[in-house]
Amino acid sequence: MTNNELNFVCDAIEQVSLHYKKWQKDYEYNSITNEFENAEIKETIAEEVNEWFKLD
């Protein structure tokens, strides 16, 4: 890992620690998939994948 990569990771951790209260409002926990999902994006993974294969 380079110094730049390590600095990037450390900066990301710092940003999360500073903004987690605000950012957590954007996500909802899905206990079925055990994932946090964006509260505003209601598209499922299946719907997203189907879009990849649409022929218009």
Protein backbone atom coordinates (compact mmCIF):
# COMPACT_ATOMS: atom_id res chain seq x y z
CA MET A 1 0.00 0.00 0.00
CA THR A 2 1.37 3.40 -0.93
CA ASN A 3 1.38 6.45 1.33
CA ASN A 4 -1.25 8.04 -0.91
CA GLU A 5 -3.51 5.02 -0.57
CA LEU A 6 -3.07 4.97 3.20
CA ASN A 7 -3.83 8.70 3.40
CA PHE A 8 -6.98 8.12 1.32
CA VAL A 9 -8.19 5.41 3.70
CA CYS A 10 -7.39 7.48 6.78
CA ASP A 11 -9.20 10.49 5.31
CA ALA A 12 -12.25 8.31 4.57
CA ILE A 13 -12.31 7.05 8.16
CA GLU A 14 -12.02 10.60 9.45
CA GLN A 15 -14.88 11.77 7.21
CA VAL A 16 -17.12 8.96 8.45
CA SER A 17 -16.31 9.79 12.07
CA LEU A 18 -17.17 13.46 11.46
CA HIS A 19 -20.35 13.00 9.41
CA TYR A 20 -21.88 9.66 10.41
CA LYS A 21 -24.87 11.21 12.19
CA LYS A 22 -25.89 13.14 9.08
CA TRP A 23 -25.10 10.30 6.65
CA GLN A 24 -26.90 7.60 8.63
CA LYS A 25 -30.20 9.33 7.89
CA ASP A 26 -29.71 8.48 4.21
CA TYR A 27 -29.74 4.71 4.82
CA GLU A 28 -32.11 2.07 6.13
CA TYR A 29 -31.11 -1.34 7.44
CA ASN A 30 -32.58 -4.32 5.56
CA SER A 31 -32.58 -7.27 7.96
CA ILE A 32 -33.46 -9.71 5.16
CA THR A 33 -30.32 -8.93 3.14
CA ASN A 34 -28.27 -7.70 6.13
CA GLU A 35 -27.37 -4.57 4.17
CA PHE A 36 -27.82 -0.85 4.51
CA GLU A 37 -29.71 0.59 1.55
CA ASN A 38 -30.09 4.15 0.36
CA ALA A 39 -33.47 5.35 1.62
CA GLU A 40 -34.14 7.41 -1.50
CA ILE A 41 -33.23 4.75 -4.07
CA LYS A 42 -35.95 2.12 -4.10
CA GLU A 43 -34.60 0.18 -7.09
CA THR A 44 -33.68 -3.38 -6.19
CA ILE A 45 -30.52 -5.10 -7.37
CA ALA A 46 -32.64 -7.37 -9.57
CA GLU A 47 -34.22 -4.36 -11.27
CA GLU A 48 -30.82 -2.78 -11.78
CA VAL A 49 -29.37 -5.94 -13.32
CA ASN A 50 -32.39 -6.30 -15.62
CA GLU A 51 -31.66 -2.82 -16.97
CA TRP A 52 -28.22 -4.01 -18.09
CA PHE A 53 -29.77 -6.53 -20.46
CA LYS A 54 -32.63 -4.48 -21.94
CA LEU A 55 -32.58 -4.13 -25.69
CA ASP A 56 -34.12 -0.85 -26.75
